Amino acid sequence: MKKLNIPEYYPRYYTATDHPEIIDVENANFISILAKGSFTEEIFYQRIDLLKQAAQAVADLFQDSGKGFELSVLEGLYWNDEEYGQHSISHVFDTGPLSELNYRLMIRLQEYVTLQHIVAAKDTLDPIHKDLSKGIEFFEYQEGKCIQMLHKGPFIYEFETLGQLEQFAKENSLSKRGIHHEIYLVDFTKGGSQENLKTILREPVGQ
């Protein structure tokens, strides 16, 4: 039985060009893990691995139901606490210390997945991960109007792409109104090569 491929089912959501553009993003459901800290830390990658295990466990619940789906790609939301003040589109990662950066790692699910399925999937995880798995939860995101652009290559150069998005927002009288969003079209590992990465950088905006 063929499983549904979520990126193929929602092609506009998972597609961006190499120049800034405006997109209206539909509401979506995710399995996610909420945390704080630097994306350079080992625990960041441990959370990614655990989230993928939990997401696969959710998918396994539907494998014989006729509603089977393949595991989708990793995504992340990143923001600073209010105490560090307002930041522009291009300064999400240098407004406050990385150790205080908030992030939500997430993987999109089909609309028929519920909180109960997430709970059931968490119960299948190895008890050794009990502390980390407490942060795994069901998350519904209503993003709406955004600007976005495809970033190619290492994450360290994202500031250049974000600068283009910021300039595009100014030229179109758009203001930042939400959380910085990244969609990782290519898997990455700690210490691995980043030369071939493709990442959608997305920013909610308003007039």
N, C-alpha and C. Protein backbone atom coordinates (compact mmCIF):
# COMPACT_ATOMS: atom_id res chain seq x y z
N MET A 1 0.85 -1.19 0.00
CA MET A 1 0.00 0.00 0.00
C MET A 1 0.89 1.25 0.00
N LYS A 2 0.67 2.14 -0.96
CA LYS A 2 1.49 3.34 -1.09
C LYS A 2 1.20 4.31 0.04
N LYS A 3 2.25 4.83 0.66
CA LYS A 3 2.11 5.80 1.73
C LYS A 3 2.14 7.21 1.18
N LEU A 4 1.38 8.10 1.81
CA LEU A 4 1.32 9.48 1.38
C LEU A 4 2.64 10.19 1.71
N ASN A 5 3.16 10.92 0.74
CA ASN A 5 4.37 11.71 0.93
C ASN A 5 3.94 13.15 1.21
N ILE A 6 4.13 13.61 2.44
CA ILE A 6 3.59 14.91 2.85
C ILE A 6 4.16 16.07 2.03
N PRO A 7 5.48 16.16 1.78
CA PRO A 7 5.98 17.26 0.95
C PRO A 7 5.39 17.27 -0.46
N GLU A 8 5.09 16.08 -1.00
CA GLU A 8 4.46 16.03 -2.33
C GLU A 8 2.98 16.40 -2.25
N TYR A 9 2.35 16.10 -1.13
CA TYR A 9 0.92 16.39 -0.94
C TYR A 9 0.69 17.88 -0.73
N TYR A 10 1.67 18.56 -0.12
CA TYR A 10 1.58 20.01 0.10
C TYR A 10 2.76 20.70 -0.59
N PRO A 11 2.83 20.65 -1.93
CA PRO A 11 4.02 21.12 -2.64
C PRO A 11 4.33 22.60 -2.42
N ARG A 12 3.31 23.44 -2.32
CA ARG A 12 3.59 24.87 -2.15
C ARG A 12 4.25 25.16 -0.82
N TYR A 13 3.87 24.40 0.20
CA TYR A 13 4.42 24.61 1.54
C TYR A 13 5.92 24.30 1.55
N TYR A 14 6.34 23.32 0.76
CA TYR A 14 7.72 22.85 0.79
C TYR A 14 8.54 23.34 -0.41
N THR A 15 8.10 24.42 -1.04
CA THR A 15 8.79 24.93 -2.22
C THR A 15 9.11 26.41 -2.03
N ALA A 16 10.33 26.79 -2.40
CA ALA A 16 10.72 28.20 -2.38
C ALA A 16 11.73 28.42 -3.50
N THR A 17 11.86 29.66 -3.92
CA THR A 17 12.79 30.01 -4.99
C THR A 17 14.02 30.70 -4.42
N ASP A 18 14.98 31.00 -5.28
CA ASP A 18 16.21 31.65 -4.82
C ASP A 18 16.09 33.17 -4.81
N HIS A 19 14.86 33.65 -4.78
CA HIS A 19 14.62 35.09 -4.61
C HIS A 19 13.42 35.27 -3.67
N PRO A 20 13.31 36.39 -2.98
CA PRO A 20 12.21 36.59 -2.03
C PRO A 20 10.85 36.56 -2.72
N GLU A 21 9.87 36.01 -2.01
CA GLU A 21 8.51 35.94 -2.53
C GLU A 21 7.53 35.96 -1.37
N ILE A 22 6.28 36.27 -1.70
CA ILE A 22 5.20 36.27 -0.71
C ILE A 22 4.39 34.99 -0.86
N ILE A 23 4.01 34.40 0.28
CA ILE A 23 3.24 33.16 0.26
C ILE A 23 2.22 33.19 1.39
N ASP A 24 1.05 32.64 1.13
CA ASP A 24 0.05 32.44 2.17
C ASP A 24 0.12 30.99 2.61
N VAL A 25 0.45 30.77 3.88
CA VAL A 25 0.68 29.42 4.39
C VAL A 25 -0.55 28.92 5.13
N GLU A 26 -0.98 27.72 4.76
CA GLU A 26 -2.15 27.12 5.40
C GLU A 26 -1.84 26.67 6.82
N ASN A 27 -2.88 26.52 7.63
CA ASN A 27 -2.70 25.97 8.97
C ASN A 27 -2.18 24.54 8.86
N ALA A 28 -1.35 24.14 9.81
CA ALA A 28 -0.76 22.81 9.76
C ALA A 28 -0.57 22.26 11.17
N ASN A 29 -0.58 20.93 11.28
CA ASN A 29 -0.38 20.23 12.54
C ASN A 29 0.99 19.57 12.56
N PHE A 30 1.60 19.56 13.74
CA PHE A 30 2.95 19.03 13.87
C PHE A 30 3.10 18.21 15.14
N ILE A 31 4.07 17.33 15.14
CA ILE A 31 4.63 16.81 16.37
C ILE A 31 5.87 17.65 16.61
N SER A 32 6.05 18.14 17.84
CA SER A 32 7.13 19.10 18.06
C SER A 32 7.76 18.91 19.44
N ILE A 33 8.89 19.58 19.60
CA ILE A 33 9.55 19.60 20.90
C ILE A 33 10.04 21.02 21.14
N LEU A 34 9.65 21.58 22.27
CA LEU A 34 9.96 22.96 22.62
C LEU A 34 11.14 22.99 23.58
N ALA A 35 12.11 23.89 23.32
CA ALA A 35 13.31 23.92 24.16
C ALA A 35 13.98 25.29 24.08
N LYS A 36 15.04 25.43 24.85
CA LYS A 36 15.83 26.66 24.84
C LYS A 36 17.30 26.29 24.87
N GLY A 37 18.10 27.05 24.10
CA GLY A 37 19.54 26.80 24.09
C GLY A 37 20.12 26.99 22.70
N SER A 38 21.39 26.76 22.58
CA SER A 38 22.09 26.94 21.31
C SER A 38 21.93 25.72 20.40
N PHE A 39 21.83 26.00 19.11
CA PHE A 39 21.76 24.92 18.13
C PHE A 39 23.13 24.29 17.88
N THR A 40 24.14 24.78 18.59
CA THR A 40 25.47 24.17 18.50
C THR A 40 25.67 23.08 19.54
N GLU A 41 24.74 22.96 20.48
CA GLU A 41 24.87 22.01 21.57
C GLU A 41 24.48 20.59 21.14
N GLU A 42 25.09 19.61 21.75
CA GLU A 42 24.80 18.22 21.45
C GLU A 42 23.33 17.89 21.72
N ILE A 43 22.76 18.49 22.75
CA ILE A 43 21.38 18.17 23.11
C ILE A 43 20.40 18.62 22.03
N PHE A 44 20.76 19.62 21.26
CA PHE A 44 19.92 20.05 20.13
C PHE A 44 19.75 18.89 19.15
N TYR A 45 20.83 18.20 18.85
CA TYR A 45 20.80 17.08 17.91
C TYR A 45 20.14 15.85 18.55
N GLN A 46 20.28 15.71 19.85
CA GLN A 46 19.60 14.62 20.54
C GLN A 46 18.08 14.82 20.45
N ARG A 47 17.65 16.06 20.57
CA ARG A 47 16.21 16.35 20.47
C ARG A 47 15.70 16.08 19.05
N ILE A 48 16.52 16.40 18.05
CA ILE A 48 16.12 16.11 16.67
C ILE A 48 15.92 14.61 16.49
N ASP A 49 16.88 13.82 16.94
CA ASP A 49 16.81 12.36 16.79
C ASP A 49 15.57 11.81 17.51
N LEU A 50 15.32 12.30 18.72
CA LEU A 50 14.18 11.82 19.49
C LEU A 50 12.86 12.20 18.83
N LEU A 51 12.80 13.43 18.30
CA LEU A 51 11.59 13.88 17.62
C LEU A 51 11.31 13.02 16.39
N LYS A 52 12.34 12.67 15.65
CA LYS A 52 12.17 11.81 14.48
C LYS A 52 11.68 10.43 14.89
N GLN A 53 12.19 9.91 15.98
CA GLN A 53 11.72 8.61 16.47
C GLN A 53 10.24 8.67 16.82
N ALA A 54 9.85 9.74 17.52
CA ALA A 54 8.45 9.89 17.91
C ALA A 54 7.56 10.07 16.70
N ALA A 55 8.01 10.86 15.72
CA ALA A 55 7.22 11.08 14.51
C ALA A 55 7.04 9.78 13.74
N GLN A 56 8.10 8.97 13.68
CA GLN A 56 7.99 7.68 13.00
C GLN A 56 7.02 6.77 13.73
N ALA A 57 7.04 6.85 15.07
CA ALA A 57 6.10 6.04 15.86
C ALA A 57 4.66 6.45 15.58
N VAL A 58 4.42 7.74 15.37
CA VAL A 58 3.08 8.20 14.98
C VAL A 58 2.71 7.63 13.62
N ALA A 59 3.63 7.75 12.66
CA ALA A 59 3.35 7.22 11.32
C ALA A 59 3.07 5.72 11.36
N ASP A 60 3.77 4.99 12.22
CA ASP A 60 3.57 3.55 12.32
C ASP A 60 2.17 3.19 12.79
N LEU A 61 1.55 4.10 13.54
CA LEU A 61 0.18 3.85 14.03
C LEU A 61 -0.81 3.75 12.88
N PHE A 62 -0.47 4.33 11.72
CA PHE A 62 -1.39 4.38 10.59
C PHE A 62 -0.98 3.47 9.43
N GLN A 63 0.07 2.68 9.61
CA GLN A 63 0.62 1.95 8.47
C GLN A 63 -0.33 0.91 7.88
N ASP A 64 -1.26 0.39 8.68
CA ASP A 64 -2.19 -0.62 8.18
C ASP A 64 -3.62 -0.11 8.08
N SER A 65 -3.78 1.22 8.13
CA SER A 65 -5.13 1.79 8.20
C SER A 65 -5.63 2.35 6.88
N GLY A 66 -4.76 2.37 5.86
CA GLY A 66 -5.14 3.03 4.62
C GLY A 66 -4.86 4.52 4.67
N LYS A 67 -4.34 5.01 5.80
CA LYS A 67 -3.99 6.42 5.95
C LYS A 67 -2.49 6.58 6.23
N GLY A 68 -1.71 5.64 5.77
CA GLY A 68 -0.28 5.67 6.04
C GLY A 68 0.40 6.86 5.37
N PHE A 69 1.42 7.39 6.02
CA PHE A 69 2.19 8.50 5.45
C PHE A 69 3.65 8.34 5.81
N GLU A 70 4.50 8.89 4.96
CA GLU A 70 5.94 8.85 5.19
C GLU A 70 6.35 9.99 6.10
N LEU A 71 7.45 9.80 6.81
CA LEU A 71 7.96 10.83 7.69
C LEU A 71 8.37 12.06 6.88
N SER A 72 7.91 13.24 7.29
CA SER A 72 8.23 14.47 6.59
C SER A 72 9.56 15.05 7.08
N VAL A 73 9.93 16.20 6.55
CA VAL A 73 11.21 16.81 6.88
C VAL A 73 11.14 17.59 8.18
N LEU A 74 12.30 17.84 8.74
CA LEU A 74 12.42 18.61 9.98
C LEU A 74 12.21 20.10 9.70
N GLU A 75 11.59 20.78 10.67
CA GLU A 75 11.42 22.23 10.62
C GLU A 75 11.78 22.82 11.97
N GLY A 76 12.01 24.13 12.01
CA GLY A 76 12.33 24.77 13.28
C GLY A 76 11.82 26.19 13.35
N LEU A 77 11.33 26.58 14.51
CA LEU A 77 10.97 27.96 14.81
C LEU A 77 11.98 28.49 15.82
N TYR A 78 12.41 29.75 15.65
CA TYR A 78 13.42 30.32 16.52
C TYR A 78 13.05 31.74 16.92
N TRP A 79 13.19 32.07 18.22
CA TRP A 79 12.86 33.42 18.68
C TRP A 79 13.57 33.72 20.00
N ASN A 80 13.63 35.02 20.30
CA ASN A 80 14.26 35.50 21.53
C ASN A 80 13.20 35.94 22.54
N ASP A 81 13.54 35.88 23.81
CA ASP A 81 12.65 36.39 24.84
C ASP A 81 12.50 37.91 24.71
N GLU A 82 11.38 38.42 25.21
CA GLU A 82 11.08 39.84 25.10
C GLU A 82 12.14 40.72 25.75
N GLU A 83 12.81 40.21 26.76
CA GLU A 83 13.81 41.01 27.47
C GLU A 83 14.96 41.45 26.57
N TYR A 84 15.14 40.78 25.43
CA TYR A 84 16.20 41.15 24.52
C TYR A 84 15.73 42.13 23.44
N GLY A 85 14.48 42.54 23.55
CA GLY A 85 13.95 43.57 22.66
C GLY A 85 13.54 43.04 21.29
N GLN A 86 13.01 43.95 20.51
CA GLN A 86 12.59 43.61 19.15
C GLN A 86 13.81 43.39 18.28
N HIS A 87 13.71 42.43 17.39
CA HIS A 87 14.81 42.22 16.45
C HIS A 87 14.27 42.20 15.03
N SER A 88 15.10 42.59 14.10
CA SER A 88 14.71 42.59 12.70
C SER A 88 14.80 41.18 12.13
N ILE A 89 14.35 41.01 10.91
CA ILE A 89 14.37 39.71 10.25
C ILE A 89 15.78 39.12 10.20
N SER A 90 16.77 39.97 9.97
CA SER A 90 18.13 39.46 9.76
C SER A 90 18.93 39.29 11.05
N HIS A 91 18.31 39.55 12.21
CA HIS A 91 19.08 39.49 13.46
C HIS A 91 18.48 38.56 14.51
N VAL A 92 17.76 37.55 14.06
CA VAL A 92 17.15 36.62 15.02
C VAL A 92 18.19 35.86 15.84
N PHE A 93 19.37 35.63 15.27
CA PHE A 93 20.36 34.80 15.95
C PHE A 93 21.45 35.59 16.67
N ASP A 94 21.39 36.91 16.65
CA ASP A 94 22.42 37.67 17.35
C ASP A 94 21.85 38.79 18.22
N THR A 95 20.56 38.76 18.48
CA THR A 95 19.96 39.76 19.38
C THR A 95 20.23 39.42 20.84
N GLY A 96 20.14 38.15 21.19
CA GLY A 96 20.43 37.68 22.54
C GLY A 96 21.45 36.57 22.48
N PRO A 97 21.92 36.10 23.62
CA PRO A 97 22.88 34.98 23.64
C PRO A 97 22.24 33.71 23.11
N LEU A 98 23.00 32.93 22.36
CA LEU A 98 22.47 31.69 21.80
C LEU A 98 22.00 30.73 22.89
N SER A 99 22.62 30.82 24.05
CA SER A 99 22.22 29.94 25.15
C SER A 99 20.80 30.22 25.62
N GLU A 100 20.26 31.41 25.26
CA GLU A 100 18.91 31.79 25.66
C GLU A 100 17.92 31.77 24.50
N LEU A 101 18.36 31.23 23.35
CA LEU A 101 17.49 31.18 22.18
C LEU A 101 16.39 30.14 22.39
N ASN A 102 15.15 30.54 22.11
CA ASN A 102 14.03 29.60 22.15
C ASN A 102 13.90 28.92 20.79
N TYR A 103 13.59 27.63 20.81
CA TYR A 103 13.34 26.97 19.54
C TYR A 103 12.29 25.87 19.69
N ARG A 104 11.59 25.65 18.62
CA ARG A 104 10.62 24.55 18.53
C ARG A 104 10.96 23.72 17.31
N LEU A 105 11.45 22.53 17.51
CA LEU A 105 11.69 21.59 16.42
C LEU A 105 10.39 20.89 16.10
N MET A 106 10.09 20.66 14.82
CA MET A 106 8.77 20.10 14.50
C MET A 106 8.79 19.36 13.16
N ILE A 107 7.86 18.43 13.05
CA ILE A 107 7.68 17.64 11.83
C ILE A 107 6.20 17.61 11.51
N ARG A 108 5.85 17.95 10.30
CA ARG A 108 4.44 18.07 9.93
C ARG A 108 3.76 16.70 9.86
N LEU A 109 2.50 16.70 10.26
CA LEU A 109 1.68 15.49 10.26
C LEU A 109 0.45 15.70 9.39
N GLN A 110 -0.22 14.61 9.07
CA GLN A 110 -1.49 14.73 8.38
C GLN A 110 -2.56 15.26 9.33
N GLU A 111 -3.62 15.84 8.77
CA GLU A 111 -4.62 16.53 9.59
C GLU A 111 -5.42 15.60 10.49
N TYR A 112 -5.41 14.29 10.20
CA TYR A 112 -6.17 13.35 11.02
C TYR A 112 -5.39 12.86 12.25
N VAL A 113 -4.14 13.29 12.40
CA VAL A 113 -3.37 12.93 13.58
C VAL A 113 -3.80 13.83 14.74
N THR A 114 -4.00 13.25 15.92
CA THR A 114 -4.47 13.99 17.08
C THR A 114 -3.47 13.93 18.23
N LEU A 115 -3.78 14.66 19.28
CA LEU A 115 -2.95 14.63 20.48
C LEU A 115 -2.84 13.21 21.04
N GLN A 116 -3.92 12.46 20.97
CA GLN A 116 -3.91 11.09 21.50
C GLN A 116 -2.90 10.22 20.78
N HIS A 117 -2.72 10.44 19.47
CA HIS A 117 -1.73 9.68 18.72
C HIS A 117 -0.31 10.05 19.17
N ILE A 118 -0.10 11.33 19.47
CA ILE A 118 1.21 11.77 19.96
C ILE A 118 1.53 11.09 21.29
N VAL A 119 0.54 11.07 22.17
CA VAL A 119 0.73 10.43 23.48
C VAL A 119 1.07 8.96 23.32
N ALA A 120 0.35 8.28 22.42
CA ALA A 120 0.61 6.86 22.19
C ALA A 120 2.01 6.64 21.64
N ALA A 121 2.45 7.52 20.76
CA ALA A 121 3.79 7.40 20.17
C ALA A 121 4.87 7.61 21.23
N LYS A 122 4.67 8.57 22.13
CA LYS A 122 5.65 8.83 23.19
C LYS A 122 5.83 7.61 24.08
N ASP A 123 4.77 6.85 24.27
CA ASP A 123 4.84 5.67 25.13
C ASP A 123 5.72 4.58 24.55
N THR A 124 6.02 4.66 23.26
CA THR A 124 6.86 3.64 22.61
C THR A 124 8.35 3.97 22.70
N LEU A 125 8.68 5.19 23.14
CA LEU A 125 10.07 5.61 23.18
C LEU A 125 10.81 4.93 24.34
N ASP A 126 12.09 4.75 24.16
CA ASP A 126 12.91 4.13 25.20
C ASP A 126 12.83 4.98 26.47
N PRO A 127 12.58 4.37 27.62
CA PRO A 127 12.49 5.11 28.89
C PRO A 127 13.74 5.92 29.21
N ILE A 128 14.86 5.57 28.61
CA ILE A 128 16.09 6.32 28.86
C ILE A 128 15.95 7.78 28.42
N HIS A 129 15.00 8.03 27.48
CA HIS A 129 14.79 9.38 26.97
C HIS A 129 13.64 10.10 27.68
N LYS A 130 13.24 9.60 28.82
CA LYS A 130 12.05 10.10 29.49
C LYS A 130 12.08 11.61 29.71
N ASP A 131 13.21 12.14 30.17
CA ASP A 131 13.29 13.57 30.46
C ASP A 131 13.14 14.41 29.20
N LEU A 132 13.83 14.03 28.13
CA LEU A 132 13.73 14.78 26.88
C LEU A 132 12.35 14.65 26.25
N SER A 133 11.77 13.47 26.34
CA SER A 133 10.48 13.23 25.67
C SER A 133 9.33 14.00 26.31
N LYS A 134 9.54 14.53 27.52
CA LYS A 134 8.49 15.33 28.15
C LYS A 134 8.15 16.56 27.31
N GLY A 135 9.11 17.03 26.54
CA GLY A 135 8.88 18.21 25.73
C GLY A 135 8.18 17.95 24.41
N ILE A 136 7.96 16.70 24.07
CA ILE A 136 7.29 16.36 22.81
C ILE A 136 5.80 16.60 22.94
N GLU A 137 5.22 17.32 21.98
CA GLU A 137 3.82 17.67 22.08
C GLU A 137 3.19 17.88 20.71
N PHE A 138 1.87 17.92 20.70
CA PHE A 138 1.10 18.25 19.50
C PHE A 138 1.11 19.77 19.36
N PHE A 139 1.30 20.25 18.12
CA PHE A 139 1.39 21.69 17.90
C PHE A 139 0.67 22.06 16.62
N GLU A 140 -0.26 23.00 16.72
CA GLU A 140 -0.96 23.52 15.55
C GLU A 140 -0.45 24.92 15.28
N TYR A 141 -0.06 25.18 14.05
CA TYR A 141 0.54 26.48 13.71
C TYR A 141 -0.26 27.17 12.62
N GLN A 142 -0.63 28.41 12.89
CA GLN A 142 -1.36 29.23 11.93
C GLN A 142 -0.44 30.37 11.49
N GLU A 143 0.23 30.17 10.40
CA GLU A 143 1.29 31.10 10.00
C GLU A 143 0.80 32.23 9.11
N GLY A 144 -0.05 31.93 8.14
CA GLY A 144 -0.63 32.98 7.31
C GLY A 144 0.33 33.58 6.31
N LYS A 145 0.25 34.90 6.15
CA LYS A 145 1.05 35.60 5.14
C LYS A 145 2.51 35.66 5.56
N CYS A 146 3.40 35.22 4.65
CA CYS A 146 4.83 35.18 4.93
C CYS A 146 5.63 35.63 3.71
N ILE A 147 6.87 35.97 3.95
CA ILE A 147 7.85 36.07 2.87
C ILE A 147 8.85 34.94 3.08
N GLN A 148 9.43 34.48 1.99
CA GLN A 148 10.33 33.34 2.10
C GLN A 148 11.35 33.34 0.98
N MET A 149 12.38 32.52 1.17
CA MET A 149 13.44 32.39 0.17
C MET A 149 14.20 31.10 0.45
N LEU A 150 14.71 30.47 -0.58
CA LEU A 150 15.51 29.26 -0.43
C LEU A 150 16.96 29.63 -0.16
N HIS A 151 17.49 29.12 0.95
CA HIS A 151 18.90 29.32 1.27
C HIS A 151 19.65 28.04 0.93
N LYS A 152 20.73 28.18 0.19
CA LYS A 152 21.54 27.03 -0.20
C LYS A 152 22.89 27.10 0.49
N GLY A 153 23.32 25.97 1.04
CA GLY A 153 24.64 25.90 1.65
C GLY A 153 24.63 26.05 3.16
N PRO A 154 25.79 26.37 3.73
CA PRO A 154 25.97 26.38 5.19
C PRO A 154 25.04 27.36 5.91
N PHE A 155 24.65 26.97 7.11
CA PHE A 155 23.77 27.82 7.92
C PHE A 155 24.44 29.15 8.28
N ILE A 156 25.76 29.15 8.38
CA ILE A 156 26.47 30.35 8.82
C ILE A 156 26.24 31.53 7.89
N TYR A 157 25.83 31.25 6.65
CA TYR A 157 25.60 32.33 5.69
C TYR A 157 24.12 32.71 5.57
N GLU A 158 23.31 32.19 6.47
CA GLU A 158 21.88 32.53 6.42
C GLU A 158 21.64 34.03 6.55
N PHE A 159 22.52 34.73 7.26
CA PHE A 159 22.31 36.16 7.46
C PHE A 159 22.24 36.90 6.13
N GLU A 160 22.93 36.39 5.11
CA GLU A 160 22.88 37.03 3.80
C GLU A 160 21.50 36.88 3.17
N THR A 161 20.95 35.67 3.26
CA THR A 161 19.61 35.41 2.72
C THR A 161 18.56 36.18 3.52
N LEU A 162 18.71 36.19 4.84
CA LEU A 162 17.77 36.93 5.68
C LEU A 162 17.84 38.43 5.39
N GLY A 163 19.03 38.92 5.06
CA GLY A 163 19.17 40.32 4.68
C GLY A 163 18.39 40.64 3.42
N GLN A 164 18.37 39.71 2.47
CA GLN A 164 17.58 39.91 1.25
C GLN A 164 16.09 39.92 1.57
N LEU A 165 15.68 39.04 2.47
CA LEU A 165 14.27 39.03 2.87
C LEU A 165 13.90 40.34 3.57
N GLU A 166 14.79 40.82 4.41
CA GLU A 166 14.53 42.06 5.13
C GLU A 166 14.39 43.24 4.16
N GLN A 167 15.26 43.29 3.17
CA GLN A 167 15.18 44.35 2.17
C GLN A 167 13.88 44.25 1.36
N PHE A 168 13.50 43.03 1.02
CA PHE A 168 12.26 42.79 0.28
C PHE A 168 11.06 43.27 1.09
N ALA A 169 11.08 43.00 2.40
CA ALA A 169 9.99 43.44 3.27
C ALA A 169 9.88 44.96 3.27
N LYS A 170 11.02 45.64 3.37
CA LYS A 170 11.02 47.10 3.38
C LYS A 170 10.48 47.66 2.06
N GLU A 171 10.90 47.07 0.97
CA GLU A 171 10.48 47.55 -0.35
C GLU A 171 8.99 47.36 -0.58
N ASN A 172 8.40 46.39 0.11
CA ASN A 172 6.98 46.09 -0.06
C ASN A 172 6.14 46.51 1.15
N SER A 173 6.71 47.36 1.99
CA SER A 173 6.01 47.91 3.16
C SER A 173 5.43 46.81 4.04
N LEU A 174 6.23 45.78 4.26
CA LEU A 174 5.83 44.65 5.11
C LEU A 174 6.64 44.68 6.40
N SER A 175 6.01 44.30 7.49
CA SER A 175 6.70 44.29 8.78
C SER A 175 6.68 42.89 9.38
N LYS A 176 7.74 42.58 10.10
CA LYS A 176 7.84 41.29 10.78
C LYS A 176 6.73 41.20 11.83
N ARG A 177 6.02 40.04 11.87
CA ARG A 177 4.93 39.91 12.85
C ARG A 177 4.92 38.54 13.52
N GLY A 178 5.94 37.75 13.31
CA GLY A 178 5.92 36.41 13.87
C GLY A 178 7.31 35.83 14.06
N ILE A 179 7.37 34.52 14.11
CA ILE A 179 8.58 33.79 14.48
C ILE A 179 9.34 33.30 13.25
N HIS A 180 10.66 33.42 13.31
CA HIS A 180 11.51 32.93 12.23
C HIS A 180 11.33 31.42 12.06
N HIS A 181 11.16 30.99 10.81
CA HIS A 181 10.81 29.61 10.50
C HIS A 181 11.81 29.07 9.48
N GLU A 182 12.32 27.87 9.74
CA GLU A 182 13.22 27.19 8.81
C GLU A 182 12.68 25.80 8.48
N ILE A 183 12.74 25.45 7.21
CA ILE A 183 12.31 24.12 6.75
C ILE A 183 13.52 23.46 6.10
N TYR A 184 13.96 22.35 6.67
CA TYR A 184 15.20 21.70 6.24
C TYR A 184 14.90 20.63 5.19
N LEU A 185 15.07 21.01 3.94
CA LEU A 185 14.77 20.09 2.84
C LEU A 185 15.82 18.99 2.72
N VAL A 186 16.98 19.22 3.28
CA VAL A 186 18.07 18.23 3.28
C VAL A 186 18.48 17.99 4.73
N ASP A 187 18.59 16.73 5.12
CA ASP A 187 19.01 16.40 6.48
C ASP A 187 20.42 16.91 6.77
N PHE A 188 20.66 17.26 8.03
CA PHE A 188 21.99 17.69 8.45
C PHE A 188 22.35 17.00 9.75
N THR A 189 23.65 16.88 9.99
CA THR A 189 24.14 16.24 11.21
C THR A 189 25.19 17.14 11.85
N LYS A 190 25.42 16.96 13.12
CA LYS A 190 26.44 17.75 13.82
C LYS A 190 27.81 17.42 13.25
N GLY A 191 28.51 18.43 12.78
CA GLY A 191 29.84 18.24 12.22
C GLY A 191 29.87 17.78 10.78
N GLY A 192 28.70 17.52 10.19
CA GLY A 192 28.65 17.08 8.80
C GLY A 192 28.78 18.23 7.81
N SER A 193 29.08 17.91 6.57
CA SER A 193 29.20 18.93 5.53
C SER A 193 27.86 19.63 5.31
N GLN A 194 27.90 20.93 5.12
CA GLN A 194 26.68 21.71 4.90
C GLN A 194 26.64 22.31 3.50
N GLU A 195 27.54 21.91 2.66
CA GLU A 195 27.66 22.52 1.33
C GLU A 195 26.42 22.32 0.47
N ASN A 196 25.74 21.18 0.64
CA ASN A 196 24.60 20.86 -0.23
C ASN A 196 23.24 21.05 0.46
N LEU A 197 23.24 21.75 1.57
CA LEU A 197 21.97 21.95 2.28
C LEU A 197 21.05 22.89 1.50
N LYS A 198 19.75 22.62 1.65
CA LYS A 198 18.72 23.50 1.09
C LYS A 198 17.70 23.76 2.19
N THR A 199 17.54 25.04 2.54
CA THR A 199 16.70 25.40 3.67
C THR A 199 15.77 26.54 3.29
N ILE A 200 14.49 26.34 3.48
CA ILE A 200 13.54 27.43 3.26
C ILE A 200 13.54 28.32 4.49
N LEU A 201 13.80 29.61 4.29
CA LEU A 201 13.73 30.60 5.36
C LEU A 201 12.43 31.37 5.19
N ARG A 202 11.58 31.33 6.21
CA ARG A 202 10.23 31.88 6.10
C ARG A 202 9.95 32.85 7.26
N GLU A 203 9.35 34.00 6.95
CA GLU A 203 9.07 35.02 7.96
C GLU A 203 7.63 35.50 7.84
N PRO A 204 6.82 35.33 8.89
CA PRO A 204 5.46 35.89 8.88
C PRO A 204 5.53 37.42 8.83
N VAL A 205 4.69 38.02 8.00
CA VAL A 205 4.72 39.49 7.84
C VAL A 205 3.30 40.05 7.79
N GLY A 206 3.21 41.34 8.04
CA GLY A 206 1.95 42.06 7.92
C GLY A 206 2.20 43.42 7.29
N GLN A 207 1.16 44.14 6.99
CA GLN A 207 1.30 45.46 6.39
C GLN A 207 1.64 46.49 7.46
